[in-house]
C-alpha atoms as a PDB file:
ATOM      1  CA  MET A   1       4.567  24.202  16.106  1.00  0.00           C
ATOM      2  CA  THR A   2       5.763  21.218  14.079  1.00  0.00           C
ATOM      3  CA  PRO A   3       6.147  21.309  10.275  1.00  0.00           C
ATOM      4  CA  VAL A   4       2.939  19.261   9.977  1.00  0.00           C
ATOM      5  CA  GLU A   5       1.040  21.750  12.143  1.00  0.00           C
ATOM      6  CA  LEU A   6       2.510  24.694  10.227  1.00  0.00           C
ATOM      7  CA  SER A   7       1.509  23.083   6.927  1.00  0.00           C
ATOM      8  CA  ARG A   8      -2.061  22.791   8.189  1.00  0.00           C
ATOM      9  CA  THR A   9      -1.971  26.380   9.436  1.00  0.00           C
ATOM     10  CA  VAL A  10      -0.916  27.720   6.029  1.00  0.00           C
ATOM     11  CA  LEU A  11      -3.540  25.589   4.278  1.00  0.00           C
ATOM     12  CA  HIS A  12      -6.181  26.908   6.676  1.00  0.00           C
ATOM     13  CA  ALA A  13      -5.134  30.476   5.786  1.00  0.00           C
ATOM     14  CA  VAL A  14      -5.530  29.633   2.090  1.00  0.00           C
ATOM     15  CA  ARG A  15      -8.986  28.179   2.634  1.00  0.00           C
ATOM     16  CA  ARG A  16     -10.122  31.190   4.657  1.00  0.00           C
ATOM     17  CA  ALA A  17      -8.899  33.527   1.920  1.00  0.00           C
ATOM     18  CA  VAL A  18     -10.910  31.548  -0.640  1.00  0.00           C
ATOM     19  CA  ASP A  19     -14.020  31.358   1.552  1.00  0.00           C
ATOM     20  CA  GLU A  20     -13.927  35.116   2.112  1.00  0.00           C
ATOM     21  CA  GLY A  21     -13.520  35.905  -1.582  1.00  0.00           C
ATOM     22  CA  GLU A  22      -9.945  37.192  -1.497  1.00  0.00           C
ATOM     23  CA  LEU A  23      -8.710  34.319  -3.656  1.00  0.00           C
ATOM     24  CA  ALA A  24     -10.649  32.826  -6.554  1.00  0.00           C
ATOM     25  CA  VAL A  25      -9.259  29.304  -6.770  1.00  0.00           C
ATOM     26  CA  ALA A  26     -11.408  26.423  -8.004  1.00  0.00           C
ATOM     27  CA  VAL A  27      -9.233  23.578  -6.700  1.00  0.00           C
ATOM     28  CA  LEU A  28      -7.334  23.928  -3.431  1.00  0.00           C
ATOM     29  CA  PRO A  29      -4.128  22.006  -2.756  1.00  0.00           C
ATOM     30  CA  GLU A  30      -4.562  18.967  -0.518  1.00  0.00           C
ATOM     31  CA  ARG A  31      -1.474  19.918   1.486  1.00  0.00           C
ATOM     32  CA  VAL A  32       1.103  22.666   1.731  1.00  0.00           C
ATOM     33  CA  VAL A  33       4.791  21.786   1.754  1.00  0.00           C
ATOM     34  CA  VAL A  34       6.931  23.664   4.261  1.00  0.00           C
ATOM     35  CA  ALA A  35      10.704  23.195   4.446  1.00  0.00           C
ATOM     36  CA  PRO A  36      13.802  24.969   5.759  1.00  0.00           C
ATOM     37  CA  PRO A  37      14.449  28.137   3.724  1.00  0.00           C
ATOM     38  CA  GLY A  38      16.696  27.835   0.695  1.00  0.00           C
ATOM     39  CA  PRO A  39      19.372  30.326  -0.433  1.00  0.00           C
ATOM     40  CA  GLY A  40      18.117  33.878  -0.021  1.00  0.00           C
ATOM     41  CA  GLY A  41      15.407  32.814   2.418  1.00  0.00           C
ATOM     42  CA  CYS A  42      15.043  33.518   6.109  1.00  0.00           C
ATOM     43  CA  GLY A  43      13.113  32.400   9.170  1.00  0.00           C
ATOM     44  CA  ASP A  44      12.419  28.839  10.296  1.00  0.00           C
ATOM     45  CA  TYR A  45      10.402  27.523   7.344  1.00  0.00           C
ATOM     46  CA  ALA A  46       9.485  28.536   3.797  1.00  0.00           C
ATOM     47  CA  THR A  47       6.723  27.563   1.375  1.00  0.00           C
ATOM     48  CA  ASN A  48       6.037  28.226  -2.303  1.00  0.00           C
ATOM     49  CA  VAL A  49       2.250  27.890  -1.974  1.00  0.00           C
ATOM     50  CA  ALA A  50       1.725  31.440  -3.274  1.00  0.00           C
ATOM     51  CA  LEU A  51       3.513  30.540  -6.514  1.00  0.00           C
ATOM     52  CA  GLN A  52       1.299  27.473  -6.879  1.00  0.00           C
ATOM     53  CA  LEU A  53      -1.880  29.530  -6.402  1.00  0.00           C
ATOM     54  CA  ALA A  54      -0.921  32.540  -8.514  1.00  0.00           C
ATOM     55  CA  ARG A  55      -2.004  31.269 -11.942  1.00  0.00           C
ATOM     56  CA  PRO A  56      -5.313  29.669 -10.791  1.00  0.00           C
ATOM     57  CA  ALA A  57      -6.103  32.840  -8.818  1.00  0.00           C
ATOM     58  CA  GLY A  58      -5.214  35.152 -11.719  1.00  0.00           C
ATOM     59  CA  GLN A  59      -2.960  37.246  -9.478  1.00  0.00           C
ATOM     60  CA  PRO A  60       0.783  37.805  -9.248  1.00  0.00           C
ATOM     61  CA  ALA A  61       2.472  35.409  -6.857  1.00  0.00           C
ATOM     62  CA  SER A  62       3.754  38.356  -4.825  1.00  0.00           C
ATOM     63  CA  ALA A  63       0.179  39.596  -4.303  1.00  0.00           C
ATOM     64  CA  VAL A  64      -0.998  36.139  -3.199  1.00  0.00           C
ATOM     65  CA  ALA A  65       1.974  35.872  -0.859  1.00  0.00           C
ATOM     66  CA  GLU A  66       1.251  39.272   0.702  1.00  0.00           C
ATOM     67  CA  LEU A  67      -2.394  38.322   1.204  1.00  0.00           C
ATOM     68  CA  LEU A  68      -1.411  35.091   2.983  1.00  0.00           C
ATOM     69  CA  ARG A  69       1.313  36.891   4.933  1.00  0.00           C
ATOM     70  CA  THR A  70      -1.285  39.212   6.485  1.00  0.00           C
ATOM     71  CA  ARG A  71      -3.378  36.267   7.595  1.00  0.00           C
ATOM     72  CA  LEU A  72      -0.484  34.236   8.956  1.00  0.00           C
ATOM     73  CA  LEU A  73       0.810  37.145  11.047  1.00  0.00           C
ATOM     74  CA  CYS A  74      -2.426  36.930  13.062  1.00  0.00           C
ATOM     75  CA  THR A  75      -1.793  33.263  13.928  1.00  0.00           C
ATOM     76  CA  ASP A  76      -0.593  32.187  17.358  1.00  0.00           C
ATOM     77  CA  GLY A  77       2.870  30.641  17.237  1.00  0.00           C
ATOM     78  CA  ILE A  78       4.057  32.689  14.244  1.00  0.00           C
ATOM     79  CA  SER A  79       6.212  35.731  14.994  1.00  0.00           C
ATOM     80  CA  ASP A  80       7.028  36.964  11.489  1.00  0.00           C
ATOM     81  CA  VAL A  81       6.407  36.255   7.811  1.00  0.00           C
ATOM     82  CA  VAL A  82       8.651  37.665   5.085  1.00  0.00           C
ATOM     83  CA  VAL A  83       8.017  37.472   1.332  1.00  0.00           C
ATOM     84  CA  THR A  84      11.169  36.848  -0.703  1.00  0.00           C
ATOM     85  CA  GLY A  85      11.946  36.263  -4.365  1.00  0.00           C
ATOM     86  CA  PRO A  86       8.974  35.888  -6.690  1.00  0.00           C
ATOM     87  CA  GLY A  87       6.616  34.990  -3.836  1.00  0.00           C
ATOM     88  CA  PHE A  88       8.139  32.643  -1.266  1.00  0.00           C
ATOM     89  CA  LEU A  89       6.677  32.878   2.239  1.00  0.00           C
ATOM     90  CA  ASN A  90       9.391  32.712   4.907  1.00  0.00           C
ATOM     91  CA  ILE A  91       7.892  31.980   8.312  1.00  0.00           C
ATOM     92  CA  SER A  92       9.481  32.548  11.721  1.00  0.00           C
ATOM     93  CA  LEU A  93       7.951  30.752  14.677  1.00  0.00           C
ATOM     94  CA  ALA A  94       7.321  32.534  17.953  1.00  0.00           C
ATOM     95  CA  GLY A  95       9.936  32.388  20.682  1.00  0.00           C
ATOM     96  CA  GLY A  96       9.854  29.234  22.745  1.00  0.00           C
ATOM     97  CA  ALA A  97       8.806  27.076  19.794  1.00  0.00           C
ATOM     98  CA  ASP A  98      11.724  24.706  20.362  1.00  0.00           C
ATOM     99  CA  ALA A  99      10.824  24.317  24.036  1.00  0.00           C
ATOM    100  CA  ARG A 100       7.207  23.619  23.096  1.00  0.00           C
ATOM    101  CA  LEU A 101       8.368  20.994  20.624  1.00  0.00           C
ATOM    102  CA  VAL A 102      10.402  19.229  23.308  1.00  0.00           C
ATOM    103  CA  ARG A 103       7.508  19.455  25.746  1.00  0.00           C
ATOM    104  CA  ASP A 104       5.151  17.969  23.148  1.00  0.00           C
ATOM    105  CA  ILE A 105       7.519  15.058  22.524  1.00  0.00           C
ATOM    106  CA  LEU A 106       7.952  14.298  26.211  1.00  0.00           C
ATOM    107  CA  ARG A 107       4.194  14.470  26.713  1.00  0.00           C
ATOM    108  CA  ALA A 108       3.468  12.122  23.789  1.00  0.00           C
ATOM    109  CA  GLY A 109       6.312   9.715  24.539  1.00  0.00           C
ATOM    110  CA  PRO A 110       7.082   7.062  21.908  1.00  0.00           C
ATOM    111  CA  ARG A 111       3.757   7.902  20.232  1.00  0.00           C
ATOM    112  CA  TYR A 112       5.057  11.307  19.143  1.00  0.00           C
ATOM    113  CA  GLY A 113       4.347  11.601  15.431  1.00  0.00           C
ATOM    114  CA  HIS A 114       1.430   9.173  15.559  1.00  0.00           C
ATOM    115  CA  SER A 115      -1.775  10.552  14.093  1.00  0.00           C
ATOM    116  CA  ASP A 116      -5.296   9.639  13.040  1.00  0.00           C
ATOM    117  CA  ALA A 117      -4.748  10.783   9.440  1.00  0.00           C
ATOM    118  CA  LEU A 118      -5.646   7.305   8.143  1.00  0.00           C
ATOM    119  CA  ALA A 119      -8.216   6.487  10.816  1.00  0.00           C
ATOM    120  CA  GLY A 120     -10.932   4.141   9.623  1.00  0.00           C
ATOM    121  CA  GLN A 121      -9.030   3.044   6.523  1.00  0.00           C
ATOM    122  CA  THR A 122      -8.418  -0.654   5.942  1.00  0.00           C
ATOM    123  CA  ILE A 123      -5.295  -1.017   3.792  1.00  0.00           C
ATOM    124  CA  GLU A 124      -4.439  -4.336   2.197  1.00  0.00           C
ATOM    125  CA  LEU A 125      -0.750  -5.103   1.865  1.00  0.00           C
ATOM    126  CA  HIS A 126       0.507  -7.947  -0.306  1.00  0.00           C
ATOM    127  CA  ALA A 127       4.079  -9.206  -0.107  1.00  0.00           C
ATOM    128  CA  ALA A 128       6.057 -11.414  -2.414  1.00  0.00           C
ATOM    129  CA  PRO A 129       6.951 -14.738  -0.711  1.00  0.00           C
ATOM    130  CA  ASP A 130      10.417 -13.481   0.198  1.00  0.00           C
ATOM    131  CA  VAL A 131      11.999 -12.704   3.567  1.00  0.00           C
ATOM    132  CA  ARG A 132      12.807  -9.082   2.732  1.00  0.00           C
ATOM    133  CA  ALA A 133       9.334  -8.451   1.327  1.00  0.00           C
ATOM    134  CA  LEU A 134       7.688  -9.870   4.456  1.00  0.00           C
ATOM    135  CA  VAL A 135       9.882  -7.855   6.851  1.00  0.00           C
ATOM    136  CA  LEU A 136       9.190  -4.750   4.752  1.00  0.00           C
ATOM    137  CA  MET A 137       5.442  -5.423   4.885  1.00  0.00           C
ATOM    138  CA  ASP A 138       5.549  -5.903   8.659  1.00  0.00           C
ATOM    139  CA  SER A 139       7.319  -2.575   9.202  1.00  0.00           C
ATOM    140  CA  VAL A 140       5.005  -0.751   6.793  1.00  0.00           C
ATOM    141  CA  ALA A 141       2.038  -2.168   8.704  1.00  0.00           C
ATOM    142  CA  ARG A 142       3.474  -0.879  11.991  1.00  0.00           C
ATOM    143  CA  VAL A 143       3.839   2.626  10.566  1.00  0.00           C
ATOM    144  CA  LEU A 144       0.365   2.524   9.007  1.00  0.00           C
ATOM    145  CA  ARG A 145      -1.087   1.643  12.418  1.00  0.00           C
ATOM    146  CA  SER A 146       0.747   4.650  13.878  1.00  0.00           C
ATOM    147  CA  GLN A 147      -1.253   6.803  11.434  1.00  0.00           C
ATOM    148  CA  GLY A 148      -4.575   5.214  12.402  1.00  0.00           C
ATOM    149  CA  ALA A 149      -4.956   2.689   9.566  1.00  0.00           C
ATOM    150  CA  ARG A 150      -5.967  -0.963   9.866  1.00  0.00           C
ATOM    151  CA  PRO A 151      -3.567  -2.905   7.624  1.00  0.00           C
ATOM    152  CA  GLN A 152      -4.321  -6.437   6.458  1.00  0.00           C
ATOM    153  CA  LEU A 153      -1.288  -8.535   5.536  1.00  0.00           C
ATOM    154  CA  HIS A 154      -1.295 -11.044   2.689  1.00  0.00           C
ATOM    155  CA  CYS A 155       1.188 -13.368   0.995  1.00  0.00           C
ATOM    156  CA  THR A 156       0.876 -16.288  -1.411  1.00  0.00           C
ATOM    157  CA  ARG A 157       2.336 -18.688   1.189  1.00  0.00           C
ATOM    158  CA  PRO A 158       2.953 -18.719   4.958  1.00  0.00           C
ATOM    159  CA  PRO A 159       6.238 -17.255   6.239  1.00  0.00           C
ATOM    160  CA  GLU A 160       8.989 -19.693   7.139  1.00  0.00           C
ATOM    161  CA  GLY A 161       9.320 -20.533  10.820  1.00  0.00           C
ATOM    162  CA  ALA A 162      12.743 -18.938  11.196  1.00  0.00           C
ATOM    163  CA  TRP A 163      11.424 -15.674   9.761  1.00  0.00           C
ATOM    164  CA  VAL A 164       8.752 -15.641  12.461  1.00  0.00           C
ATOM    165  CA  ARG A 165      10.983 -16.769  15.349  1.00  0.00           C
ATOM    166  CA  VAL A 166      14.094 -14.765  14.548  1.00  0.00           C
ATOM    167  CA  LEU A 167      12.927 -11.777  12.520  1.00  0.00           C
ATOM    168  CA  GLY A 168       9.527 -11.125  14.100  1.00  0.00           C
ATOM    169  CA  VAL A 169       7.504 -11.606  10.912  1.00  0.00           C
ATOM    170  CA  PRO A 170       3.840 -11.985  11.982  1.00  0.00           C
ATOM    171  CA  GLU A 171       2.399 -15.489  11.952  1.00  0.00           C
ATOM    172  CA  ASP A 172      -1.128 -14.360  11.107  1.00  0.00           C
ATOM    173  CA  ILE A 173      -0.405 -13.296   7.518  1.00  0.00           C
ATOM    174  CA  ARG A 174      -3.320 -14.287   5.304  1.00  0.00           C
ATOM    175  CA  VAL A 175      -2.403 -16.734   2.564  1.00  0.00           C
ATOM    176  CA  ARG A 176      -3.994 -15.452  -0.608  1.00  0.00           C
ATOM    177  CA  PRO A 177      -2.861 -14.001  -3.940  1.00  0.00           C
ATOM    178  CA  GLY A 178      -2.856 -10.263  -4.449  1.00  0.00           C
ATOM    179  CA  THR A 179      -2.080  -7.662  -7.048  1.00  0.00           C
ATOM    180  CA  ASP A 180       0.881  -5.267  -6.990  1.00  0.00           C
ATOM    181  CA  PRO A 181       2.745  -6.980  -4.120  1.00  0.00           C
ATOM    182  CA  LEU A 182       5.585  -5.390  -2.196  1.00  0.00           C
ATOM    183  CA  ARG A 183       8.565  -6.787  -4.061  1.00  0.00           C
ATOM    184  CA  PRO A 184      11.866  -5.226  -2.950  1.00  0.00           C
ATOM    185  CA  VAL A 185      15.188  -6.444  -4.343  1.00  0.00           C
ATOM    186  CA  PRO A 186      15.735  -9.777  -2.533  1.00  0.00           C
ATOM    187  CA  ALA A 187      18.470 -10.233   0.034  1.00  0.00           C
ATOM    188  CA  PRO A 188      21.566 -11.928  -1.423  1.00  0.00           C
ATOM    189  CA  ALA A 189      21.870 -14.249   1.597  1.00  0.00           C
ATOM    190  CA  ASP A 190      19.908 -15.563   4.548  1.00  0.00           C
ATOM    191  CA  PRO A 191      19.694 -12.669   7.069  1.00  0.00           C
ATOM    192  CA  THR A 192      18.611 -14.742  10.096  1.00  0.00           C
ATOM    193  CA  PRO A 193      22.193 -15.404  11.369  1.00  0.00           C
ATOM    194  CA  LEU A 194      22.446 -11.662  12.078  1.00  0.00           C
ATOM    195  CA  GLY A 195      19.654 -11.867  14.659  1.00  0.00           C
ATOM    196  CA  ARG A 196      16.455  -9.879  14.681  1.00  0.00           C
ATOM    197  CA  ASP A 197      17.689  -6.323  15.121  1.00  0.00           C
ATOM    198  CA  ALA A 198      20.666  -6.333  12.756  1.00  0.00           C
ATOM    199  CA  ALA A 199      18.820  -8.415  10.156  1.00  0.00           C
ATOM    200  CA  ARG A 200      15.776  -6.161  10.095  1.00  0.00           C
ATOM    201  CA  TRP A 201      17.996  -3.073   9.819  1.00  0.00           C
ATOM    202  CA  ALA A 202      19.963  -4.668   6.981  1.00  0.00           C
ATOM    203  CA  LEU A 203      16.724  -5.407   5.118  1.00  0.00           C
ATOM    204  CA  LEU A 204      14.915  -2.120   5.836  1.00  0.00           C
ATOM    205  CA  GLN A 205      17.601   0.577   5.775  1.00  0.00           C
ATOM    206  CA  PRO A 206      18.285   0.412   2.006  1.00  0.00           C
ATOM    207  CA  ALA A 207      15.547   1.653  -0.310  1.00  0.00           C
ATOM    208  CA  PRO A 208      13.417  -1.241  -1.652  1.00  0.00           C
ATOM    209  CA  HIS A 209      14.987  -0.917  -5.110  1.00  0.00           C
ATOM    210  CA  ASP A 210      18.521  -1.188  -3.679  1.00  0.00           C
ATOM    211  CA  ARG A 211      20.269  -4.483  -3.007  1.00  0.00           C
ATOM    212  CA  PRO A 212      20.743  -4.983   0.761  1.00  0.00           C
ATOM    213  CA  ARG A 213      24.056  -6.000   2.248  1.00  0.00           C
ATOM    214  CA  ILE A 214      23.877  -9.004   4.561  1.00  0.00           C
ATOM    215  CA  GLY A 215      27.095  -9.088   6.564  1.00  0.00           C
ATOM    216  CA  ASP A 216      28.765  -8.639   9.919  1.00  0.00           C
ATOM    217  CA  GLU A 217      29.107  -4.876   9.355  1.00  0.00           C
ATOM    218  CA  HIS A 218      25.625  -4.576  10.879  1.00  0.00           C
ATOM    219  CA  LEU A 219      26.879  -6.166  14.133  1.00  0.00           C
ATOM    220  CA  VAL A 220      30.030  -4.144  14.806  1.00  0.00           C
ATOM    221  CA  GLN A 221      29.831  -1.578  17.584  1.00  0.00           C
ATOM    222  CA  ARG A 222      31.525   1.361  15.938  1.00  0.00           C
ATOM    223  CA  GLU A 223      30.480   4.615  14.274  1.00  0.00           C
ATOM    224  CA  SER A 224      30.713   3.137  10.786  1.00  0.00           C
ATOM    225  CA  ASN A 225      27.589   1.100  11.610  1.00  0.00           C
ATOM    226  CA  PRO A 226      24.472   3.341  11.361  1.00  0.00           C
ATOM    227  CA  LEU A 227      22.378   0.954  13.476  1.00  0.00           C
ATOM    228  CA  PHE A 228      24.960   1.132  16.248  1.00  0.00           C
ATOM    229  CA  ARG A 229      24.968   4.944  16.081  1.00  0.00           C
ATOM    230  CA  VAL A 230      21.184   5.066  16.442  1.00  0.00           C
ATOM    231  CA  ARG A 231      20.999   2.586  19.320  1.00  0.00           C
ATOM    232  CA  TYR A 232      24.051   4.072  21.057  1.00  0.00           C
ATOM    233  CA  ALA A 233      22.571   7.580  20.855  1.00  0.00           C
ATOM    234  CA  HIS A 234      19.355   6.246  22.389  1.00  0.00           C
ATOM    235  CA  ALA A 235      21.210   4.431  25.179  1.00  0.00           C
ATOM    236  CA  ARG A 236      23.299   7.535  25.975  1.00  0.00           C
ATOM    237  CA  SER A 237      20.162   9.700  26.101  1.00  0.00           C
ATOM    238  CA  ARG A 238      18.741   7.329  28.717  1.00  0.00           C
ATOM    239  CA  ALA A 239      22.036   7.278  30.604  1.00  0.00           C
ATOM    240  CA  VAL A 240      22.213  11.069  30.967  1.00  0.00           C
ATOM    241  CA  VAL A 241      18.645  11.094  32.319  1.00  0.00           C
ATOM    242  CA  ARG A 242      19.614   8.491  34.934  1.00  0.00           C
ATOM    243  CA  ASN A 243      22.833  10.321  35.815  1.00  0.00           C
ATOM    244  CA  ALA A 244      21.023  13.649  36.123  1.00  0.00           C
ATOM    245  CA  ALA A 245      18.556  12.080  38.551  1.00  0.00           C
ATOM    246  CA  ASP A 246      21.515  10.898  40.636  1.00  0.00           C
ATOM    247  CA  LEU A 247      22.744  14.511  40.676  1.00  0.00           C
ATOM    248  CA  GLY A 248      19.339  15.719  41.820  1.00  0.00           C
ATOM    249  CA  PHE A 249      17.950  17.463  38.743  1.00  0.00           C
ATOM    250  CA  GLY A 250      15.579  16.621  35.928  1.00  0.00           C
ATOM    251  CA  PRO A 251      14.629  17.832  32.458  1.00  0.00           C
ATOM    252  CA  GLU A 252      12.961  21.184  31.877  1.00  0.00           C
ATOM    253  CA  PRO A 253      12.405  22.311  28.263  1.00  0.00           C
ATOM    254  CA  GLY A 254      14.035  25.610  27.434  1.00  0.00           C
ATOM    255  CA  PRO A 255      16.228  27.352  24.859  1.00  0.00           C
ATOM    256  CA  VAL A 256      19.087  25.237  23.474  1.00  0.00           C
ATOM    257  CA  ASN A 257      21.339  26.115  20.548  1.00  0.00           C
ATOM    258  CA  ALA A 258      20.834  22.896  18.578  1.00  0.00           C
ATOM    259  CA  SER A 259      18.926  23.841  15.437  1.00  0.00           C
ATOM    260  CA  ALA A 260      19.788  20.671  13.490  1.00  0.00           C
ATOM    261  CA  LEU A 261      18.440  18.462  16.261  1.00  0.00           C
ATOM    262  CA  HIS A 262      15.298  20.562  16.730  1.00  0.00           C
ATOM    263  CA  GLN A 263      14.678  20.428  12.987  1.00  0.00           C
ATOM    264  CA  ALA A 264      15.117  16.651  12.883  1.00  0.00           C
ATOM    265  CA  LEU A 265      12.735  16.134  15.810  1.00  0.00           C
ATOM    266  CA  ALA A 266      10.145  18.493  14.364  1.00  0.00           C
ATOM    267  CA  ASP A 267      10.331  16.588  11.086  1.00  0.00           C
ATOM    268  CA  HIS A 268       9.475  13.226  12.675  1.00  0.00           C
ATOM    269  CA  PRO A 269       5.677  13.368  12.128  1.00  0.00           C
ATOM    270  CA  ARG A 270       6.191  14.211   8.445  1.00  0.00           C
ATOM    271  CA  VAL A 271       8.637  11.334   8.044  1.00  0.00           C
ATOM    272  CA  LEU A 272       6.158   8.861   9.544  1.00  0.00           C
ATOM    273  CA  ALA A 273       3.403  10.113   7.234  1.00  0.00           C
ATOM    274  CA  ALA A 274       5.707   9.820   4.202  1.00  0.00           C
ATOM    275  CA  THR A 275       6.864   6.366   5.257  1.00  0.00           C
ATOM    276  CA  ALA A 276       3.247   5.226   5.421  1.00  0.00           C
ATOM    277  CA  ALA A 277       2.276   6.867   2.138  1.00  0.00           C
ATOM    278  CA  HIS A 278       5.210   5.504   0.135  1.00  0.00           C
ATOM    279  CA  ARG A 279       5.489   2.129   1.906  1.00  0.00           C
ATOM    280  CA  ALA A 280       9.156   2.999   2.483  1.00  0.00           C
ATOM    281  CA  PRO A 281      10.633   2.196   5.941  1.00  0.00           C
ATOM    282  CA  ASP A 282      14.038   3.242   4.601  1.00  0.00           C
ATOM    283  CA  ARG A 283      12.856   6.849   4.998  1.00  0.00           C
ATOM    284  CA  LEU A 284      12.314   6.285   8.698  1.00  0.00           C
ATOM    285  CA  ALA A 285      15.648   4.468   9.081  1.00  0.00           C
ATOM    286  CA  ARG A 286      17.574   7.341   7.455  1.00  0.00           C
ATOM    287  CA  HIS A 287      15.691   9.838   9.598  1.00  0.00           C
ATOM    288  CA  LEU A 288      16.698   8.019  12.791  1.00  0.00           C
ATOM    289  CA  VAL A 289      20.337   8.177  11.707  1.00  0.00           C
ATOM    290  CA  ALA A 290      19.945  11.939  11.186  1.00  0.00           C
ATOM    291  CA  VAL A 291      18.436  12.347  14.670  1.00  0.00           C
ATOM    292  CA  ALA A 292      21.226  10.296  16.253  1.00  0.00           C
ATOM    293  CA  ASP A 293      23.951  12.230  14.442  1.00  0.00           C
ATOM    294  CA  ALA A 294      22.383  15.562  15.447  1.00  0.00           C
ATOM    295  CA  LEU A 295      22.110  14.419  19.083  1.00  0.00           C
ATOM    296  CA  ALA A 296      25.744  13.322  19.415  1.00  0.00           C
ATOM    297  CA  PRO A 297      27.296  16.848  19.729  1.00  0.00           C
ATOM    298  CA  LEU A 298      24.803  17.795  22.468  1.00  0.00           C
ATOM    299  CA  LEU A 299      25.371  14.883  24.824  1.00  0.00           C
ATOM    300  CA  PRO A 300      28.777  15.901  26.296  1.00  0.00           C
ATOM    301  CA  SER A 301      27.284  19.203  27.521  1.00  0.00           C
ATOM    302  CA  VAL A 302      24.155  17.802  29.173  1.00  0.00           C
ATOM    303  CA  LEU A 303      25.607  17.049  32.624  1.00  0.00           C
ATOM    304  CA  PRO A 304      27.546  19.501  34.835  1.00  0.00           C
ATOM    305  CA  LEU A 305      31.310  19.067  34.898  1.00  0.00           C
ATOM    306  CA  GLY A 306      33.429  19.027  38.046  1.00  0.00           C
ATOM    307  CA  ASP A 307      32.025  21.319  40.732  1.00  0.00           C
ATOM    308  CA  GLU A 308      29.601  22.960  38.292  1.00  0.00           C
ATOM    309  CA  LYS A 309      26.061  23.217  39.617  1.00  0.00           C
ATOM    310  CA  PRO A 310      23.083  22.138  37.492  1.00  0.00           C
ATOM    311  CA  SER A 311      21.638  25.174  35.749  1.00  0.00           C
ATOM    312  CA  ALA A 312      18.601  25.960  33.610  1.00  0.00           C
ATOM    313  CA  ALA A 313      20.788  25.326  30.560  1.00  0.00           C
ATOM    314  CA  HIS A 314      21.621  21.827  31.799  1.00  0.00           C
ATOM    315  CA  ARG A 315      17.937  21.111  32.413  1.00  0.00           C
ATOM    316  CA  ALA A 316      17.017  22.328  28.940  1.00  0.00           C
ATOM    317  CA  ARG A 317      19.744  20.248  27.282  1.00  0.00           C
ATOM    318  CA  LEU A 318      18.652  17.240  29.320  1.00  0.00           C
ATOM    319  CA  ALA A 319      15.055  17.674  28.152  1.00  0.00           C
ATOM    320  CA  LEU A 320      16.178  17.906  24.534  1.00  0.00           C
ATOM    321  CA  ALA A 321      18.342  14.787  24.888  1.00  0.00           C
ATOM    322  CA  GLU A 322      15.457  12.883  26.473  1.00  0.00           C
ATOM    323  CA  ALA A 323      13.137  13.991  23.655  1.00  0.00           C
ATOM    324  CA  ALA A 324      15.620  12.805  21.043  1.00  0.00           C
ATOM    325  CA  GLY A 325      15.940   9.455  22.800  1.00  0.00           C
ATOM    326  CA  THR A 326      12.165   9.181  22.836  1.00  0.00           C
ATOM    327  CA  VAL A 327      11.976   9.731  19.078  1.00  0.00           C
ATOM    328  CA  LEU A 328      14.743   7.185  18.478  1.00  0.00           C
ATOM    329  CA  ALA A 329      12.986   4.585  20.630  1.00  0.00           C
ATOM    330  CA  GLY A 330       9.640   5.144  18.938  1.00  0.00           C
ATOM    331  CA  GLY A 331      11.169   4.960  15.475  1.00  0.00           C
ATOM    332  CA  LEU A 332      13.136   1.791  16.177  1.00  0.00           C
ATOM    333  CA  THR A 333       9.997   0.144  17.543  1.00  0.00           C
ATOM    334  CA  LEU A 334       8.148   0.908  14.297  1.00  0.00           C
ATOM    335  CA  LEU A 335      10.982  -0.803  12.426  1.00  0.00           C
ATOM    336  CA  GLY A 336      10.598  -3.806  14.729  1.00  0.00           C
ATOM    337  CA  ILE A 337      14.004  -3.197  16.313  1.00  0.00           C
ATOM    338  CA  ASP A 338      14.806  -3.155  20.033  1.00  0.00           C
ATOM    339  CA  ALA A 339      15.903   0.119  21.657  1.00  0.00           C
ATOM    340  CA  PRO A 340      17.942  -0.956  24.710  1.00  0.00           C
ATOM    341  CA  ALA A 341      18.490   1.494  27.539  1.00  0.00           C
ATOM    342  CA  HIS A 342      21.964   0.046  28.098  1.00  0.00           C
ATOM    343  CA  LEU A 343      24.410  -0.718  25.311  1.00  0.00           C
END
């Protein structure tokens, strides 16, 4: 169960409690936020929804939390719910949740995290006539499409030819004025000499209100370069899959002690939704760096060493590495950046 699915599950429990008269709340929350437990918490995820509902319901937060706890304990995929503090719900997922997450990612492929949340919505995007604004608009449009929306791109003048050829800015941007355009802090120099991948990363990785750095640091192949870390982690994930096939074994999701990586992968759908909602590809870029950094410690243990025979643990680690590579590839594609299998 991903954080997005768990959020929906908790919200469904709230709605059922209201429908059945256990909670008298006039306005229900549109969504429930779930996150890793804070100090004093436990389990896999925690939510403060009971504290939010307490005053409207006219009940103590602890009573609301206990009511929701009873309902959540009857839900498939949830093994335990503990109430802590003034009314925080701490939720533990059923055993095998990590393996199911990996299996879901491998089944969905690069489309993992895509949804139909914005299906049927036509969203107009307007960009300032600036290279960074146009690259930002292109990436936002890609993420919006991943959530089911139909974006329409506008600018007050056509993009320059080099921006189209080198940076992948769409040619079919409609030339028309618009209100409230995307207007990030402009790049201090022409990014096209960096090439498509490094230039787009340089323009998208900083938050729109931050000044991007346009320099050769985005081209160096070392750990100080976040783009290199992301692409290298992806390439290594593909390499271990190829090498495992040469050794005669393949991925099989199972238990792996890699909580940071599981958490980062489970968070991917939420990050895509937030990127679309806030028109902020920097959120996705930072998330990919977090996935890559969490994957790095796992990779040396994926393949057997010496005369060691492939085991269930190797197959499970291989599946997790392949899932992480899949998320990295899908995320880079949404940023308009290549994800090479060899680097």
